């Protein structure tokens, strides 16, 4: 499914929060090795459109730094 060998962080920007999950390749598939989320203020994202880009960017920064992820690559949903 993915073309990578070590670990990868998936990033999801939703209407209520930003979520990140780190997947690491294991013997029998993939293993979740990290997870972090940060709530967003009301109306930061509306119907899939980012209305407050500064707030969303700060939330992404907090998620990625606070999650202590080891991966160097990020996939965005």
PDB file of N, CA and C in Angstrom:
ATOM      1  N   UNK A   1       0.820  -1.193   0.000  1.00  0.00           N
ATOM      2  CA  UNK A   1       0.000   0.000   0.000  1.00  0.00           C
ATOM      3  C   UNK A   1       0.868   1.262   0.000  1.00  0.00           C
ATOM      4  N   UNK A   2       1.854   1.315   0.907  1.00  0.00           N
ATOM      5  CA  UNK A   2       2.758   2.458   0.972  1.00  0.00           C
ATOM      6  C   UNK A   2       4.120   2.035   0.458  1.00  0.00           C
ATOM      7  N   UNK A   3       4.870   2.957  -0.081  1.00  0.00           N
ATOM      8  CA  UNK A   3       6.205   2.674  -0.579  1.00  0.00           C
ATOM      9  C   UNK A   3       7.250   3.308   0.340  1.00  0.00           C
ATOM     10  N   UNK A   4       7.374   2.773   1.545  1.00  0.00           N
ATOM     11  CA  UNK A   4       8.346   3.265   2.506  1.00  0.00           C
ATOM     12  C   UNK A   4       8.750   2.130   3.415  1.00  0.00           C
ATOM     13  N   UNK A   5       9.907   2.254   4.058  1.00  0.00           N
ATOM     14  CA  UNK A   5      10.459   1.140   4.816  1.00  0.00           C
ATOM     15  C   UNK A   5      10.413   1.301   6.325  1.00  0.00           C
ATOM     16  N   UNK A   6      10.555   2.501   6.844  1.00  0.00           N
ATOM     17  CA  UNK A   6      10.686   2.665   8.284  1.00  0.00           C
ATOM     18  C   UNK A   6       9.379   3.109   8.920  1.00  0.00           C
ATOM     19  N   UNK A   7       9.207   4.394   9.119  1.00  0.00           N
ATOM     20  CA  UNK A   7       7.977   4.885   9.728  1.00  0.00           C
ATOM     21  C   UNK A   7       7.487   6.122   8.989  1.00  0.00           C
ATOM     22  N   UNK A   8       6.203   6.390   9.173  1.00  0.00           N
ATOM     23  CA  UNK A   8       5.539   7.487   8.480  1.00  0.00           C
ATOM     24  C   UNK A   8       4.494   8.071   9.406  1.00  0.00           C
ATOM     25  N   UNK A   9       4.347   9.388   9.379  1.00  0.00           N
ATOM     26  CA  UNK A   9       3.319  10.054  10.176  1.00  0.00           C
ATOM     27  C   UNK A   9       2.182  10.455   9.249  1.00  0.00           C
ATOM     28  N   UNK A  10       0.964  10.044   9.594  1.00  0.00           N
ATOM     29  CA  UNK A  10      -0.228  10.465   8.868  1.00  0.00           C
ATOM     30  C   UNK A  10      -0.850  11.645   9.581  1.00  0.00           C
ATOM     31  N   UNK A  11      -1.231  12.660   8.839  1.00  0.00           N
ATOM     32  CA  UNK A  11      -1.775  13.889   9.412  1.00  0.00           C
ATOM     33  C   UNK A  11      -3.185  14.102   8.895  1.00  0.00           C
ATOM     34  N   UNK A  12      -4.124  14.349   9.802  1.00  0.00           N
ATOM     35  CA  UNK A  12      -5.516  14.604   9.439  1.00  0.00           C
ATOM     36  C   UNK A  12      -5.951  15.922  10.050  1.00  0.00           C
ATOM     37  N   UNK A  13      -6.356  16.858   9.197  1.00  0.00           N
ATOM     38  CA  UNK A  13      -6.879  18.142   9.663  1.00  0.00           C
ATOM     39  C   UNK A  13      -8.390  18.072   9.521  1.00  0.00           C
ATOM     40  N   UNK A  14      -9.084  17.990  10.649  1.00  0.00           N
ATOM     41  CA  UNK A  14     -10.536  17.905  10.648  1.00  0.00           C
ATOM     42  C   UNK A  14     -11.164  19.217  11.067  1.00  0.00           C
ATOM     43  N   UNK A  15     -12.470  19.208  11.189  1.00  0.00           N
ATOM     44  CA  UNK A  15     -13.169  20.435  11.563  1.00  0.00           C
ATOM     45  C   UNK A  15     -13.061  20.745  13.053  1.00  0.00           C
ATOM     46  N   UNK A  16     -12.740  19.738  13.867  1.00  0.00           N
ATOM     47  CA  UNK A  16     -12.668  19.980  15.303  1.00  0.00           C
ATOM     48  C   UNK A  16     -11.272  19.812  15.887  1.00  0.00           C
ATOM     49  N   UNK A  17     -10.380  19.097  15.165  1.00  0.00           N
ATOM     50  CA  UNK A  17      -9.027  18.889  15.694  1.00  0.00           C
ATOM     51  C   UNK A  17      -8.070  18.465  14.590  1.00  0.00           C
ATOM     52  N   UNK A  18      -6.783  18.518  14.925  1.00  0.00           N
ATOM     53  CA  UNK A  18      -5.716  18.001  14.077  1.00  0.00           C
ATOM     54  C   UNK A  18      -5.209  16.736  14.747  1.00  0.00           C
ATOM     55  N   UNK A  19      -5.124  15.640  13.967  1.00  0.00           N
ATOM     56  CA  UNK A  19      -4.660  14.365  14.504  1.00  0.00           C
ATOM     57  C   UNK A  19      -3.451  13.889  13.715  1.00  0.00           C
ATOM     58  N   UNK A  20      -2.534  13.215  14.416  1.00  0.00           N
ATOM     59  CA  UNK A  20      -1.372  12.619  13.754  1.00  0.00           C
ATOM     60  C   UNK A  20      -1.150  11.236  14.353  1.00  0.00           C
ATOM     61  N   UNK A  21      -0.807  10.283  13.494  1.00  0.00           N
ATOM     62  CA  UNK A  21      -0.511   8.927  13.932  1.00  0.00           C
ATOM     63  C   UNK A  21       0.754   8.470  13.217  1.00  0.00           C
ATOM     64  N   UNK A  22       1.640   7.813  13.949  1.00  0.00           N
ATOM     65  CA  UNK A  22       2.879   7.301  13.365  1.00  0.00           C
ATOM     66  C   UNK A  22       2.749   5.793  13.188  1.00  0.00           C
ATOM     67  N   UNK A  23       3.022   5.328  11.965  1.00  0.00           N
ATOM     68  CA  UNK A  23       3.015   3.904  11.653  1.00  0.00           C
ATOM     69  C   UNK A  23       4.443   3.462  11.388  1.00  0.00           C
ATOM     70  N   UNK A  24       4.809   2.318  11.957  1.00  0.00           N
ATOM     71  CA  UNK A  24       6.127   1.742  11.753  1.00  0.00           C
ATOM     72  C   UNK A  24       5.961   0.345  11.196  1.00  0.00           C
ATOM     73  N   UNK A  25       6.765   0.021  10.195  1.00  0.00           N
ATOM     74  CA  UNK A  25       6.699  -1.296   9.577  1.00  0.00           C
ATOM     75  C   UNK A  25       7.167  -2.345  10.576  1.00  0.00           C
ATOM     76  N   UNK A  26       6.358  -3.390  10.742  1.00  0.00           N
ATOM     77  CA  UNK A  26       6.672  -4.492  11.648  1.00  0.00           C
ATOM     78  C   UNK A  26       6.717  -5.790  10.832  1.00  0.00           C
ATOM     79  N   UNK A  27       7.015  -6.895  11.484  1.00  0.00           N
ATOM     80  CA  UNK A  27       7.106  -8.185  10.797  1.00  0.00           C
ATOM     81  C   UNK A  27       5.801  -8.565  10.110  1.00  0.00           C
ATOM     82  N   UNK A  28       4.685  -8.358  10.788  1.00  0.00           N
ATOM     83  CA  UNK A  28       3.391  -8.808  10.272  1.00  0.00           C
ATOM     84  C   UNK A  28       2.522  -7.668   9.760  1.00  0.00           C
ATOM     85  N   UNK A  29       3.109  -6.596   9.324  1.00  0.00           N
ATOM     86  CA  UNK A  29       2.325  -5.469   8.827  1.00  0.00           C
ATOM     87  C   UNK A  29       2.863  -4.166   9.376  1.00  0.00           C
ATOM     88  N   UNK A  30       1.967  -3.360   9.928  1.00  0.00           N
ATOM     89  CA  UNK A  30       2.337  -2.053  10.455  1.00  0.00           C
ATOM     90  C   UNK A  30       1.838  -1.910  11.885  1.00  0.00           C
ATOM     91  N   UNK A  31       2.556  -1.136  12.679  1.00  0.00           N
ATOM     92  CA  UNK A  31       2.237  -0.939  14.087  1.00  0.00           C
ATOM     93  C   UNK A  31       2.139   0.557  14.366  1.00  0.00           C
ATOM     94  N   UNK A  32       1.152   0.945  15.160  1.00  0.00           N
ATOM     95  CA  UNK A  32       1.035   2.340  15.577  1.00  0.00           C
ATOM     96  C   UNK A  32       2.063   2.581  16.675  1.00  0.00           C
ATOM     97  N   UNK A  33       2.967   3.530  16.426  1.00  0.00           N
ATOM     98  CA  UNK A  33       4.018   3.819  17.407  1.00  0.00           C
ATOM     99  C   UNK A  33       3.916   5.225  17.982  1.00  0.00           C
ATOM    100  N   UNK A  34       2.933   5.985  17.534  1.00  0.00           N
ATOM    101  CA  UNK A  34       2.743   7.319  18.084  1.00  0.00           C
ATOM    102  C   UNK A  34       1.395   7.885  17.694  1.00  0.00           C
ATOM    103  N   UNK A  35       0.853   8.719  18.564  1.00  0.00           N
ATOM    104  CA  UNK A  35      -0.428   9.379  18.302  1.00  0.00           C
ATOM    105  C   UNK A  35      -0.461  10.692  19.060  1.00  0.00           C
ATOM    106  N   UNK A  36      -1.013  11.723  18.433  1.00  0.00           N
ATOM    107  CA  UNK A  36      -1.195  13.014  19.102  1.00  0.00           C
ATOM    108  C   UNK A  36      -2.355  13.742  18.432  1.00  0.00           C
ATOM    109  N   UNK A  37      -3.024  14.588  19.196  1.00  0.00           N
ATOM    110  CA  UNK A  37      -4.080  15.414  18.619  1.00  0.00           C
ATOM    111  C   UNK A  37      -4.122  16.754  19.333  1.00  0.00           C
ATOM    112  N   UNK A  38      -4.663  17.731  18.635  1.00  0.00           N
ATOM    113  CA  UNK A  38      -4.790  19.088  19.174  1.00  0.00           C
ATOM    114  C   UNK A  38      -6.144  19.633  18.735  1.00  0.00           C
ATOM    115  N   UNK A  39      -6.983  20.048  19.683  1.00  0.00           N
ATOM    116  CA  UNK A  39      -8.285  20.600  19.300  1.00  0.00           C
ATOM    117  C   UNK A  39      -8.136  21.933  18.568  1.00  0.00           C
ATOM    118  N   UNK A  40      -9.072  22.204  17.682  1.00  0.00           N
ATOM    119  CA  UNK A  40      -9.118  23.472  16.959  1.00  0.00           C
ATOM    120  C   UNK A  40     -10.241  24.335  17.505  1.00  0.00           C
ATOM    121  N   UNK A  41     -10.086  25.631  17.378  1.00  0.00           N
ATOM    122  CA  UNK A  41     -11.134  26.551  17.791  1.00  0.00           C
ATOM    123  C   UNK A  41     -12.338  26.438  16.863  1.00  0.00           C
ATOM    124  N   UNK A  42     -13.474  26.930  17.322  1.00  0.00           N
ATOM    125  CA  UNK A  42     -14.669  26.875  16.478  1.00  0.00           C
ATOM    126  C   UNK A  42     -14.464  27.672  15.189  1.00  0.00           C
ATOM    127  N   UNK A  43     -14.952  27.134  14.102  1.00  0.00           N
ATOM    128  CA  UNK A  43     -14.887  27.765  12.777  1.00  0.00           C
ATOM    129  C   UNK A  43     -13.469  27.907  12.229  1.00  0.00           C
ATOM    130  N   UNK A  44     -12.501  27.146  12.749  1.00  0.00           N
ATOM    131  CA  UNK A  44     -11.154  27.154  12.161  1.00  0.00           C
ATOM    132  C   UNK A  44     -11.165  26.447  10.808  1.00  0.00           C
ATOM    133  N   UNK A  45     -11.949  25.354  10.735  1.00  0.00           N
ATOM    134  CA  UNK A  45     -12.139  24.617   9.489  1.00  0.00           C
ATOM    135  C   UNK A  45     -13.640  24.433   9.315  1.00  0.00           C
ATOM    136  N   UNK A  46     -14.170  24.857   8.178  1.00  0.00           N
ATOM    137  CA  UNK A  46     -15.608  24.766   7.910  1.00  0.00           C
ATOM    138  C   UNK A  46     -15.809  24.068   6.574  1.00  0.00           C
ATOM    139  N   UNK A  47     -16.534  22.961   6.583  1.00  0.00           N
ATOM    140  CA  UNK A  47     -16.825  22.190   5.363  1.00  0.00           C
ATOM    141  C   UNK A  47     -15.567  21.874   4.571  1.00  0.00           C
ATOM    142  N   UNK A  48     -14.494  21.513   5.274  1.00  0.00           N
ATOM    143  CA  UNK A  48     -13.243  21.134   4.630  1.00  0.00           C
ATOM    144  C   UNK A  48     -12.365  22.296   4.207  1.00  0.00           C
ATOM    145  N   UNK A  49     -12.819  23.513   4.407  1.00  0.00           N
ATOM    146  CA  UNK A  49     -12.034  24.698   4.044  1.00  0.00           C
ATOM    147  C   UNK A  49     -11.417  25.319   5.295  1.00  0.00           C
ATOM    148  N   UNK A  50     -10.135  25.602   5.240  1.00  0.00           N
ATOM    149  CA  UNK A  50      -9.444  26.228   6.368  1.00  0.00           C
ATOM    150  C   UNK A  50      -9.785  27.711   6.379  1.00  0.00           C
ATOM    151  N   UNK A  51     -10.435  28.139   7.447  1.00  0.00           N
ATOM    152  CA  UNK A  51     -10.839  29.536   7.580  1.00  0.00           C
ATOM    153  C   UNK A  51      -9.830  30.352   8.385  1.00  0.00           C
ATOM    154  N   UNK A  52      -9.159  29.715   9.343  1.00  0.00           N
ATOM    155  CA  UNK A  52      -8.168  30.381  10.195  1.00  0.00           C
ATOM    156  C   UNK A  52      -6.840  29.641  10.042  1.00  0.00           C
ATOM    157  N   UNK A  53      -6.082  30.001   9.017  1.00  0.00           N
ATOM    158  CA  UNK A  53      -4.857  29.268   8.690  1.00  0.00           C
ATOM    159  C   UNK A  53      -3.797  29.360   9.794  1.00  0.00           C
ATOM    160  N   UNK A  54      -3.724  30.470  10.473  1.00  0.00           N
ATOM    161  CA  UNK A  54      -2.739  30.611  11.555  1.00  0.00           C
ATOM    162  C   UNK A  54      -3.043  29.641  12.694  1.00  0.00           C
ATOM    163  N   UNK A  55      -4.297  29.527  13.065  1.00  0.00           N
ATOM    164  CA  UNK A  55      -4.699  28.612  14.130  1.00  0.00           C
ATOM    165  C   UNK A  55      -4.424  27.161  13.743  1.00  0.00           C
ATOM    166  N   UNK A  56      -4.735  26.803  12.508  1.00  0.00           N
ATOM    167  CA  UNK A  56      -4.516  25.429  12.041  1.00  0.00           C
ATOM    168  C   UNK A  56      -3.018  25.135  11.962  1.00  0.00           C
ATOM    169  N   UNK A  57      -2.230  26.061  11.448  1.00  0.00           N
ATOM    170  CA  UNK A  57      -0.781  25.871  11.363  1.00  0.00           C
ATOM    171  C   UNK A  57      -0.163  25.701  12.751  1.00  0.00           C
ATOM    172  N   UNK A  58      -0.607  26.491  13.714  1.00  0.00           N
ATOM    173  CA  UNK A  58      -0.102  26.355  15.089  1.00  0.00           C
ATOM    174  C   UNK A  58      -0.497  25.009  15.690  1.00  0.00           C
ATOM    175  N   UNK A  59      -1.697  24.536  15.409  1.00  0.00           N
ATOM    176  CA  UNK A  59      -2.145  23.234  15.917  1.00  0.00           C
ATOM    177  C   UNK A  59      -1.299  22.117  15.303  1.00  0.00           C
ATOM    178  N   UNK A  60      -1.009  22.204  14.009  1.00  0.00           N
ATOM    179  CA  UNK A  60      -0.165  21.199  13.358  1.00  0.00           C
ATOM    180  C   UNK A  60       1.230  21.201  13.986  1.00  0.00           C
ATOM    181  N   UNK A  61       1.764  22.367  14.217  1.00  0.00           N
ATOM    182  CA  UNK A  61       3.090  22.476  14.834  1.00  0.00           C
ATOM    183  C   UNK A  61       3.096  21.849  16.230  1.00  0.00           C
ATOM    184  N   UNK A  62       2.069  22.128  17.031  1.00  0.00           N
ATOM    185  CA  UNK A  62       1.991  21.552  18.379  1.00  0.00           C
ATOM    186  C   UNK A  62       1.849  20.030  18.327  1.00  0.00           C
ATOM    187  N   UNK A  63       1.062  19.525  17.384  1.00  0.00           N
ATOM    188  CA  UNK A  63       0.877  18.070  17.260  1.00  0.00           C
ATOM    189  C   UNK A  63       2.196  17.399  16.897  1.00  0.00           C
ATOM    190  N   UNK A  64       2.895  17.942  15.914  1.00  0.00           N
ATOM    191  CA  UNK A  64       4.117  17.285  15.448  1.00  0.00           C
ATOM    192  C   UNK A  64       5.272  17.413  16.437  1.00  0.00           C
ATOM    193  N   UNK A  65       5.355  18.517  17.162  1.00  0.00           N
ATOM    194  CA  UNK A  65       6.425  18.647  18.149  1.00  0.00           C
ATOM    195  C   UNK A  65       6.069  17.933  19.447  1.00  0.00           C
ATOM    196  N   UNK A  66       4.820  17.980  19.844  1.00  0.00           N
ATOM    197  CA  UNK A  66       4.393  17.348  21.091  1.00  0.00           C
ATOM    198  C   UNK A  66       4.263  15.844  20.994  1.00  0.00           C
ATOM    199  N   UNK A  67       4.108  15.325  19.785  1.00  0.00           N
ATOM    200  CA  UNK A  67       3.943  13.893  19.597  1.00  0.00           C
ATOM    201  C   UNK A  67       5.234  13.111  19.669  1.00  0.00           C
ATOM    202  N   UNK A  68       6.370  13.774  19.606  1.00  0.00           N
ATOM    203  CA  UNK A  68       7.688  13.124  19.648  1.00  0.00           C
ATOM    204  C   UNK A  68       7.800  12.003  18.622  1.00  0.00           C
ATOM    205  N   UNK A  69       7.389  12.285  17.408  1.00  0.00           N
ATOM    206  CA  UNK A  69       7.446  11.294  16.347  1.00  0.00           C
ATOM    207  C   UNK A  69       8.875  11.137  15.855  1.00  0.00           C
ATOM    208  N   UNK A  70       9.230   9.916  15.480  1.00  0.00           N
ATOM    209  CA  UNK A  70      10.567   9.640  14.978  1.00  0.00           C
ATOM    210  C   UNK A  70      10.642   9.730  13.464  1.00  0.00           C
ATOM    211  N   UNK A  71       9.508   9.603  12.801  1.00  0.00           N
ATOM    212  CA  UNK A  71       9.476   9.595  11.335  1.00  0.00           C
ATOM    213  C   UNK A  71       9.878  10.958  10.769  1.00  0.00           C
ATOM    214  N   UNK A  72      10.477  10.924   9.599  1.00  0.00           N
ATOM    215  CA  UNK A  72      10.881  12.148   8.911  1.00  0.00           C
ATOM    216  C   UNK A  72       9.912  12.506   7.780  1.00  0.00           C
ATOM    217  N   UNK A  73       9.001  11.583   7.422  1.00  0.00           N
ATOM    218  CA  UNK A  73       8.051  11.813   6.343  1.00  0.00           C
ATOM    219  C   UNK A  73       6.634  11.875   6.896  1.00  0.00           C
ATOM    220  N   UNK A  74       5.804  12.701   6.271  1.00  0.00           N
ATOM    221  CA  UNK A  74       4.415  12.864   6.709  1.00  0.00           C
ATOM    222  C   UNK A  74       3.478  12.671   5.529  1.00  0.00           C
ATOM    223  N   UNK A  75       2.392  11.940   5.761  1.00  0.00           N
ATOM    224  CA  UNK A  75       1.346  11.785   4.756  1.00  0.00           C
ATOM    225  C   UNK A  75       0.142  12.597   5.224  1.00  0.00           C
ATOM    226  N   UNK A  76      -0.456  13.342   4.328  1.00  0.00           N
ATOM    227  CA  UNK A  76      -1.596  14.180   4.694  1.00  0.00           C
ATOM    228  C   UNK A  76      -2.870  13.617   4.088  1.00  0.00           C
ATOM    229  N   UNK A  77      -3.911  13.521   4.885  1.00  0.00           N
ATOM    230  CA  UNK A  77      -5.225  13.054   4.444  1.00  0.00           C
ATOM    231  C   UNK A  77      -6.041  14.239   4.041  1.00  0.00           C
TER     232      UNK A  77
END
